[in-house]
N, C-alpha and C. Protein backbone atom coordinates (compact mmCIF):
# COMPACT_ATOMS: atom_id res chain seq x y z
N MET A 1 68.76 181.20 -3.55
CA MET A 1 68.13 180.63 -2.41
C MET A 1 69.23 180.37 -1.34
N ILE A 2 68.81 180.57 -0.10
CA ILE A 2 69.75 180.33 0.99
C ILE A 2 69.32 179.17 1.85
N ALA A 3 70.24 178.23 2.02
CA ALA A 3 70.00 177.14 2.96
C ALA A 3 70.52 177.56 4.31
N TRP A 4 69.72 177.91 5.24
CA TRP A 4 70.20 178.51 6.53
C TRP A 4 71.01 177.57 7.36
N CYS A 5 70.82 176.28 7.21
CA CYS A 5 71.63 175.37 8.09
C CYS A 5 73.01 175.31 7.60
N SER A 6 73.24 175.41 6.28
CA SER A 6 74.62 175.34 5.79
C SER A 6 75.23 176.67 5.48
N GLY A 7 74.36 177.70 5.31
CA GLY A 7 74.82 179.06 5.04
C GLY A 7 75.37 179.16 3.61
N GLN A 8 75.13 178.18 2.73
CA GLN A 8 75.67 178.24 1.36
C GLN A 8 74.54 178.53 0.44
N LEU A 9 74.85 179.27 -0.59
CA LEU A 9 73.91 179.56 -1.66
C LEU A 9 73.73 178.30 -2.51
N ALA A 10 72.51 178.11 -3.00
CA ALA A 10 72.31 176.92 -3.89
C ALA A 10 72.97 177.19 -5.20
N LYS A 11 73.51 176.16 -5.80
CA LYS A 11 74.19 176.20 -7.13
C LYS A 11 73.10 176.56 -8.18
N PRO A 12 73.50 177.42 -9.17
CA PRO A 12 72.49 177.70 -10.24
C PRO A 12 71.97 176.48 -11.01
N SER A 13 72.84 175.44 -11.17
CA SER A 13 72.35 174.34 -11.88
C SER A 13 71.34 173.55 -11.11
N ARG A 14 71.27 173.71 -9.83
CA ARG A 14 70.27 172.98 -8.98
C ARG A 14 69.15 173.92 -8.62
N ALA A 15 69.09 175.15 -9.09
CA ALA A 15 68.11 176.14 -8.72
C ALA A 15 66.71 175.62 -8.83
N ARG A 16 66.39 174.92 -9.91
CA ARG A 16 65.00 174.46 -10.12
C ARG A 16 64.68 173.36 -9.09
N ALA A 17 65.53 172.44 -8.82
CA ALA A 17 65.33 171.40 -7.80
C ALA A 17 65.19 172.02 -6.45
N VAL A 18 65.98 173.00 -6.14
CA VAL A 18 65.94 173.66 -4.83
C VAL A 18 64.63 174.40 -4.63
N GLU A 19 64.12 175.00 -5.73
CA GLU A 19 62.82 175.73 -5.64
C GLU A 19 61.69 174.77 -5.22
N ARG A 20 61.80 173.48 -5.67
CA ARG A 20 60.79 172.53 -5.29
C ARG A 20 61.02 171.91 -3.96
N ASP A 21 62.18 172.09 -3.44
CA ASP A 21 62.56 171.49 -2.12
C ASP A 21 61.87 172.26 -0.98
N PRO A 22 60.92 171.60 -0.24
CA PRO A 22 60.26 172.27 0.84
C PRO A 22 61.17 172.64 2.01
N LEU A 23 62.40 172.13 2.01
CA LEU A 23 63.28 172.39 3.17
C LEU A 23 64.14 173.64 2.90
N VAL A 24 64.14 174.19 1.67
CA VAL A 24 64.90 175.41 1.37
C VAL A 24 63.94 176.39 0.69
N ARG A 25 63.64 177.46 1.35
CA ARG A 25 62.53 178.32 0.95
C ARG A 25 62.90 179.77 0.53
N ASN A 26 63.51 180.52 1.41
CA ASN A 26 63.49 181.93 1.25
C ASN A 26 64.45 182.51 0.18
N ALA A 27 63.93 182.76 -0.99
CA ALA A 27 64.65 183.42 -2.07
C ALA A 27 64.60 184.90 -1.86
N ASP A 28 63.61 185.41 -1.17
CA ASP A 28 63.39 186.79 -0.98
C ASP A 28 64.40 187.37 0.06
N PRO A 29 65.30 188.27 -0.34
CA PRO A 29 66.25 188.80 0.62
C PRO A 29 65.68 189.51 1.81
N VAL A 30 64.47 190.12 1.66
CA VAL A 30 63.84 190.79 2.77
C VAL A 30 63.42 189.76 3.76
N LEU A 31 62.83 188.60 3.32
CA LEU A 31 62.49 187.59 4.25
C LEU A 31 63.62 186.93 4.95
N SER A 32 64.76 186.87 4.21
CA SER A 32 65.94 186.23 4.83
C SER A 32 66.45 187.05 5.95
N LEU A 33 66.04 188.29 6.17
CA LEU A 33 66.48 189.14 7.32
C LEU A 33 65.66 188.75 8.52
N SER A 34 64.54 188.10 8.37
CA SER A 34 63.60 187.79 9.46
C SER A 34 64.11 186.57 10.20
N PRO A 35 64.25 186.72 11.54
CA PRO A 35 64.65 185.52 12.32
C PRO A 35 63.61 184.39 12.24
N ILE A 36 62.36 184.78 12.16
CA ILE A 36 61.27 183.76 12.03
C ILE A 36 61.43 183.01 10.68
N ALA A 37 61.66 183.74 9.66
CA ALA A 37 61.84 183.10 8.29
C ALA A 37 63.05 182.17 8.32
N ARG A 38 64.10 182.56 8.92
CA ARG A 38 65.29 181.72 9.11
C ARG A 38 65.05 180.47 9.88
N ALA A 39 64.31 180.61 10.98
CA ALA A 39 63.91 179.47 11.82
C ALA A 39 63.01 178.51 11.02
N LEU A 40 62.10 179.10 10.28
CA LEU A 40 61.20 178.22 9.50
C LEU A 40 61.89 177.44 8.39
N ASP A 41 63.00 178.07 7.87
CA ASP A 41 63.78 177.34 6.90
C ASP A 41 64.38 176.05 7.51
N VAL A 42 64.60 176.06 8.76
CA VAL A 42 65.24 174.90 9.43
C VAL A 42 64.13 173.94 9.89
N VAL A 43 63.09 174.43 10.56
CA VAL A 43 62.08 173.52 11.16
C VAL A 43 60.66 173.78 10.72
N GLY A 44 60.45 174.47 9.65
CA GLY A 44 59.08 174.86 9.29
C GLY A 44 58.36 173.96 8.35
N ASP A 45 58.94 172.84 7.98
CA ASP A 45 58.17 171.89 7.12
C ASP A 45 57.18 171.09 7.96
N ARG A 46 56.45 170.23 7.32
CA ARG A 46 55.30 169.59 7.95
C ARG A 46 55.77 168.67 9.04
N TRP A 47 56.95 168.03 9.08
CA TRP A 47 57.28 167.00 10.03
C TRP A 47 58.33 167.35 11.04
N SER A 48 59.14 168.33 10.80
CA SER A 48 60.35 168.59 11.62
C SER A 48 60.00 168.82 13.09
N LEU A 49 59.03 169.70 13.36
CA LEU A 49 58.69 170.00 14.75
C LEU A 49 58.07 168.74 15.45
N LEU A 50 57.38 167.90 14.69
CA LEU A 50 56.84 166.66 15.24
C LEU A 50 57.96 165.70 15.59
N ILE A 51 59.03 165.65 14.78
CA ILE A 51 60.20 164.87 15.03
C ILE A 51 60.91 165.38 16.28
N ILE A 52 60.99 166.76 16.38
CA ILE A 52 61.69 167.35 17.55
C ILE A 52 60.86 167.04 18.83
N GLN A 53 59.56 167.17 18.77
CA GLN A 53 58.71 166.83 19.87
C GLN A 53 58.86 165.44 20.28
N SER A 54 58.89 164.51 19.35
CA SER A 54 59.20 163.07 19.72
C SER A 54 60.54 162.86 20.37
N ALA A 55 61.55 163.61 19.84
CA ALA A 55 62.91 163.55 20.50
C ALA A 55 62.85 164.06 21.91
N LEU A 56 62.08 165.12 22.13
CA LEU A 56 61.93 165.67 23.45
C LEU A 56 61.24 164.63 24.39
N ASN A 57 60.44 163.80 23.81
CA ASN A 57 59.71 162.73 24.58
C ASN A 57 60.57 161.47 24.69
N GLY A 58 61.78 161.48 24.20
CA GLY A 58 62.70 160.32 24.41
C GLY A 58 62.87 159.42 23.22
N VAL A 59 62.25 159.67 22.11
CA VAL A 59 62.35 158.81 20.91
C VAL A 59 63.78 159.11 20.33
N CYS A 60 64.53 158.04 20.07
CA CYS A 60 65.89 158.25 19.54
C CYS A 60 66.26 157.42 18.34
N ARG A 61 65.40 156.49 17.87
CA ARG A 61 65.71 155.65 16.78
C ARG A 61 64.75 155.89 15.62
N PHE A 62 65.22 155.65 14.39
CA PHE A 62 64.46 155.83 13.20
C PHE A 62 63.11 155.10 13.32
N SER A 63 63.15 153.85 13.77
CA SER A 63 61.89 153.04 13.84
C SER A 63 60.97 153.66 14.90
N GLY A 64 61.49 154.25 15.94
CA GLY A 64 60.70 154.91 16.93
C GLY A 64 59.97 156.11 16.40
N PHE A 65 60.69 156.94 15.63
CA PHE A 65 60.10 158.11 14.97
C PHE A 65 59.02 157.64 14.02
N GLN A 66 59.29 156.57 13.22
CA GLN A 66 58.29 156.20 12.26
C GLN A 66 57.04 155.65 12.90
N THR A 67 57.24 154.78 13.90
CA THR A 67 56.10 154.21 14.62
C THR A 67 55.28 155.33 15.32
N THR A 68 55.96 156.27 16.00
CA THR A 68 55.30 157.28 16.74
C THR A 68 54.50 158.26 15.81
N LEU A 69 55.14 158.62 14.75
CA LEU A 69 54.54 159.62 13.87
C LEU A 69 53.75 159.10 12.71
N GLY A 70 53.94 157.86 12.32
CA GLY A 70 53.20 157.35 11.17
C GLY A 70 53.67 157.96 9.88
N ILE A 71 54.95 158.32 9.75
CA ILE A 71 55.50 159.01 8.63
C ILE A 71 56.19 158.04 7.66
N ALA A 72 56.10 158.30 6.39
CA ALA A 72 56.78 157.43 5.41
C ALA A 72 58.31 157.46 5.60
N LYS A 73 58.87 156.33 5.36
CA LYS A 73 60.33 156.12 5.60
C LYS A 73 61.17 157.11 4.78
N ASN A 74 60.82 157.37 3.54
CA ASN A 74 61.64 158.25 2.71
C ASN A 74 61.52 159.67 3.21
N ILE A 75 60.35 160.09 3.69
CA ILE A 75 60.22 161.48 4.19
C ILE A 75 60.90 161.64 5.55
N LEU A 76 60.77 160.55 6.38
CA LEU A 76 61.46 160.64 7.70
C LEU A 76 62.97 160.69 7.46
N ALA A 77 63.49 159.84 6.55
CA ALA A 77 64.93 159.92 6.33
C ALA A 77 65.41 161.27 5.83
N GLU A 78 64.67 161.91 4.98
CA GLU A 78 64.96 163.25 4.45
C GLU A 78 64.98 164.31 5.60
N ARG A 79 63.93 164.23 6.39
CA ARG A 79 63.78 165.24 7.49
C ARG A 79 64.86 165.03 8.56
N LEU A 80 65.14 163.73 8.91
CA LEU A 80 66.24 163.52 9.83
C LEU A 80 67.58 164.02 9.31
N ARG A 81 67.82 163.70 8.05
CA ARG A 81 69.10 164.16 7.44
C ARG A 81 69.20 165.65 7.51
N HIS A 82 68.08 166.36 7.16
CA HIS A 82 68.08 167.82 7.23
C HIS A 82 68.32 168.32 8.60
N LEU A 83 67.68 167.78 9.62
CA LEU A 83 67.82 168.24 11.01
C LEU A 83 69.23 167.99 11.50
N VAL A 84 69.88 166.87 11.07
CA VAL A 84 71.28 166.59 11.41
C VAL A 84 72.17 167.63 10.77
N GLU A 85 71.94 167.87 9.44
CA GLU A 85 72.78 168.83 8.74
C GLU A 85 72.66 170.23 9.29
N CYS A 86 71.54 170.56 9.82
CA CYS A 86 71.29 171.87 10.41
C CYS A 86 71.76 171.99 11.90
N GLY A 87 72.19 170.84 12.43
CA GLY A 87 72.70 170.93 13.78
C GLY A 87 71.63 170.83 14.88
N VAL A 88 70.40 170.44 14.52
CA VAL A 88 69.33 170.33 15.52
C VAL A 88 69.36 168.93 16.13
N LEU A 89 69.75 167.96 15.38
CA LEU A 89 69.89 166.60 15.87
C LEU A 89 71.36 166.14 15.62
N SER A 90 71.82 165.18 16.43
CA SER A 90 73.07 164.49 16.13
C SER A 90 72.67 163.06 15.84
N LYS A 91 73.57 162.39 15.06
CA LYS A 91 73.40 161.00 14.67
C LYS A 91 74.59 160.21 15.06
N THR A 92 74.42 159.18 15.86
CA THR A 92 75.52 158.35 16.32
C THR A 92 75.15 156.90 16.12
N PRO A 93 76.10 156.09 15.49
CA PRO A 93 75.80 154.70 15.35
C PRO A 93 75.67 154.00 16.68
N VAL A 94 74.75 153.06 16.79
CA VAL A 94 74.49 152.38 18.03
C VAL A 94 75.76 151.63 18.43
N LEU A 95 76.36 150.93 17.52
CA LEU A 95 77.64 150.22 17.70
C LEU A 95 78.55 150.55 16.48
N PRO A 96 79.86 150.57 16.61
CA PRO A 96 80.74 150.81 15.42
C PRO A 96 80.40 149.87 14.31
N GLY A 97 80.19 150.47 13.16
CA GLY A 97 79.85 149.71 11.95
C GLY A 97 78.37 149.26 11.79
N SER A 98 77.56 149.66 12.80
CA SER A 98 76.15 149.25 12.78
C SER A 98 75.37 150.16 11.84
N ARG A 99 74.32 149.54 11.22
CA ARG A 99 73.45 150.34 10.36
C ARG A 99 72.43 151.10 11.20
N TYR A 100 72.28 150.76 12.47
CA TYR A 100 71.38 151.49 13.27
C TYR A 100 72.03 152.60 13.96
N SER A 101 71.27 153.73 14.09
CA SER A 101 71.73 154.99 14.70
C SER A 101 70.87 155.51 15.75
N ASP A 102 71.37 156.18 16.71
CA ASP A 102 70.56 156.92 17.64
C ASP A 102 70.60 158.37 17.24
N TYR A 103 69.49 159.04 17.36
CA TYR A 103 69.42 160.53 17.13
C TYR A 103 69.16 161.16 18.47
N ALA A 104 69.89 162.22 18.70
CA ALA A 104 69.73 162.99 19.90
C ALA A 104 69.68 164.46 19.59
N LEU A 105 68.89 165.21 20.38
CA LEU A 105 68.82 166.69 20.23
C LEU A 105 70.16 167.27 20.61
N THR A 106 70.65 168.20 19.84
CA THR A 106 71.83 168.94 20.21
C THR A 106 71.37 170.09 21.11
N GLU A 107 72.24 170.94 21.54
CA GLU A 107 71.86 172.12 22.26
C GLU A 107 70.87 172.96 21.47
N LYS A 108 71.30 173.11 20.18
CA LYS A 108 70.37 173.92 19.25
C LYS A 108 68.96 173.29 19.22
N GLY A 109 68.87 171.99 19.18
CA GLY A 109 67.61 171.30 19.22
C GLY A 109 66.87 171.44 20.55
N ARG A 110 67.64 171.28 21.66
CA ARG A 110 67.01 171.43 22.94
C ARG A 110 66.49 172.81 23.17
N ASN A 111 67.10 173.80 22.51
CA ASN A 111 66.65 175.18 22.62
C ASN A 111 65.29 175.39 22.04
N LEU A 112 64.80 174.48 21.24
CA LEU A 112 63.47 174.57 20.66
C LEU A 112 62.35 174.09 21.57
N ARG A 113 62.69 173.61 22.77
CA ARG A 113 61.75 173.05 23.72
C ARG A 113 60.63 174.08 24.06
N LEU A 114 61.03 175.27 24.35
CA LEU A 114 60.00 176.27 24.66
C LEU A 114 59.08 176.61 23.46
N ALA A 115 59.64 176.72 22.29
CA ALA A 115 58.82 176.95 21.07
C ALA A 115 57.83 175.80 20.86
N VAL A 116 58.32 174.55 21.04
CA VAL A 116 57.48 173.35 20.83
C VAL A 116 56.41 173.39 21.92
N ALA A 117 56.75 173.70 23.18
CA ALA A 117 55.78 173.71 24.26
C ALA A 117 54.71 174.76 23.90
N ILE A 118 55.07 175.92 23.54
CA ILE A 118 54.10 177.00 23.24
C ILE A 118 53.17 176.61 22.09
N LEU A 119 53.74 176.02 21.04
CA LEU A 119 52.97 175.56 19.86
C LEU A 119 52.03 174.45 20.27
N HIS A 120 52.50 173.59 21.14
CA HIS A 120 51.70 172.49 21.61
C HIS A 120 50.48 173.05 22.40
N GLN A 121 50.71 173.95 23.30
CA GLN A 121 49.68 174.57 24.10
C GLN A 121 48.68 175.31 23.22
N TRP A 122 49.18 176.08 22.27
CA TRP A 122 48.32 176.85 21.36
C TRP A 122 47.50 175.87 20.54
N GLY A 123 48.07 174.75 20.05
CA GLY A 123 47.37 173.82 19.23
C GLY A 123 46.27 173.04 20.04
N GLU A 124 46.40 172.97 21.32
CA GLU A 124 45.34 172.30 22.14
C GLU A 124 44.05 173.06 21.99
N HIS A 125 43.98 174.30 21.62
CA HIS A 125 42.84 175.03 21.54
C HIS A 125 42.21 175.10 20.11
N LEU A 126 42.88 174.45 19.20
CA LEU A 126 42.40 174.50 17.81
C LEU A 126 41.52 173.22 17.61
N PRO A 127 40.46 173.31 16.86
CA PRO A 127 39.68 172.08 16.55
C PRO A 127 40.46 171.18 15.65
N ASP A 128 40.16 169.85 15.86
CA ASP A 128 40.81 168.81 15.00
C ASP A 128 40.10 168.86 13.68
N GLN A 129 40.90 169.22 12.63
CA GLN A 129 40.28 169.33 11.27
C GLN A 129 40.47 168.07 10.47
N SER A 130 41.21 167.09 10.99
CA SER A 130 41.44 165.88 10.19
C SER A 130 40.60 164.73 10.64
N SER A 131 40.45 163.77 9.76
CA SER A 131 39.68 162.56 10.12
C SER A 131 40.63 161.58 10.81
N ARG A 132 41.93 161.81 10.76
CA ARG A 132 42.93 160.92 11.42
C ARG A 132 43.86 161.68 12.25
N SER A 133 44.34 161.18 13.27
CA SER A 133 45.27 161.83 14.11
C SER A 133 46.75 161.50 13.62
N VAL A 134 47.67 162.28 13.99
CA VAL A 134 49.07 162.11 13.61
C VAL A 134 49.76 161.22 14.70
N GLY A 135 49.81 159.93 14.48
CA GLY A 135 50.53 159.08 15.40
C GLY A 135 49.97 159.20 16.82
N HIS A 136 50.86 159.03 17.78
CA HIS A 136 50.54 159.07 19.18
C HIS A 136 51.43 160.11 19.85
N THR A 137 51.64 161.24 19.23
CA THR A 137 52.61 162.18 19.69
C THR A 137 52.08 163.34 20.43
N VAL A 138 50.88 163.23 20.92
CA VAL A 138 50.25 164.44 21.54
C VAL A 138 50.07 164.23 23.01
N PRO A 139 51.18 164.04 23.71
CA PRO A 139 51.12 163.88 25.15
C PRO A 139 50.74 165.11 25.79
N SER A 140 50.14 165.06 26.97
CA SER A 140 49.94 166.26 27.74
C SER A 140 50.95 166.33 28.85
N ALA A 141 52.17 166.07 28.49
CA ALA A 141 53.24 166.01 29.48
C ALA A 141 53.55 167.38 29.95
N ASP A 142 54.12 167.48 31.20
CA ASP A 142 54.46 168.75 31.74
C ASP A 142 55.50 169.52 30.98
N ILE A 143 56.30 168.83 30.10
CA ILE A 143 57.29 169.53 29.34
C ILE A 143 56.66 170.42 28.32
N PHE A 144 55.40 170.15 27.97
CA PHE A 144 54.72 170.93 26.99
C PHE A 144 53.71 171.93 27.62
N ARG A 145 53.78 172.15 28.94
CA ARG A 145 52.89 173.05 29.61
C ARG A 145 53.61 174.37 29.96
N VAL A 146 53.12 175.49 29.46
CA VAL A 146 53.65 176.76 29.81
C VAL A 146 52.58 177.52 30.53
N GLU A 147 52.69 177.72 31.82
CA GLU A 147 51.66 178.35 32.60
C GLU A 147 51.73 179.87 32.51
N GLY A 148 50.63 180.46 32.69
CA GLY A 148 50.53 181.94 32.79
C GLY A 148 49.93 182.53 31.51
N SER A 149 50.03 183.90 31.53
CA SER A 149 49.41 184.67 30.46
C SER A 149 50.45 184.84 29.32
N CYS A 150 50.09 185.57 28.25
CA CYS A 150 50.95 185.85 27.19
C CYS A 150 52.17 186.66 27.75
N ASN A 151 51.95 187.54 28.70
CA ASN A 151 53.03 188.31 29.29
C ASN A 151 54.01 187.36 30.02
N ALA A 152 53.48 186.39 30.66
CA ALA A 152 54.38 185.42 31.34
C ALA A 152 55.20 184.65 30.32
N ALA A 153 54.56 184.25 29.19
CA ALA A 153 55.27 183.53 28.13
C ALA A 153 56.32 184.50 27.52
N GLU A 154 55.96 185.74 27.33
CA GLU A 154 56.96 186.69 26.78
C GLU A 154 58.17 186.80 27.75
N ARG A 155 57.95 186.85 29.04
CA ARG A 155 59.01 186.95 29.98
C ARG A 155 59.89 185.68 29.92
N MET A 156 59.23 184.55 29.79
CA MET A 156 59.98 183.26 29.67
C MET A 156 60.86 183.31 28.42
N VAL A 157 60.31 183.70 27.33
CA VAL A 157 61.09 183.76 26.09
C VAL A 157 62.24 184.70 26.21
N GLU A 158 62.00 185.92 26.81
CA GLU A 158 63.02 186.88 26.96
C GLU A 158 64.17 186.36 27.89
N SER A 159 63.83 185.65 28.93
CA SER A 159 64.83 185.09 29.79
C SER A 159 65.57 183.96 29.18
N PHE A 160 64.80 183.23 28.36
CA PHE A 160 65.42 182.04 27.60
C PHE A 160 66.45 182.50 26.61
N VAL A 161 66.17 183.57 25.87
CA VAL A 161 67.09 184.04 24.86
C VAL A 161 68.08 185.01 25.40
N GLY A 162 67.95 185.34 26.68
CA GLY A 162 68.95 186.26 27.32
C GLY A 162 68.65 187.73 27.19
N ASN A 163 67.44 188.06 26.83
CA ASN A 163 67.18 189.52 26.69
C ASN A 163 66.47 190.09 27.96
N GLY A 164 66.17 189.24 28.96
CA GLY A 164 65.39 189.74 30.05
C GLY A 164 66.06 189.63 31.40
């Protein structure tokens, strides 16, 4: 198994635990060649993109993420730790020696803005299948609006990644 954020192979003694870990997925070497599979290894679990979306909206504290998303503390701690290890978020103590920390998007995390915006826009057209909503994280803010057709979005992505 490959943990894409660290680039290290999982130890054989931990192989069984790693297989159950939803944050480390791609054992298939063919899938590991796919940029999408590598990206999903970092942000493809149930909560990571919602955490990133909240960070894009200015949330920076553990309690803020928990309140906004309605996520269990243990799961939030695990996801934040993973995103910090993968370089998507940085963690800085509020004051030296403080137990409270601020989380901020790194450049790698800010580069997910367009992907989050496109997923947000795509999700606006899907019917709500749940009986409850996920927190209050579904703003219709301009940062999540990508105007134009699919071709316009493709041009945006190409210019964003430097291919256009």
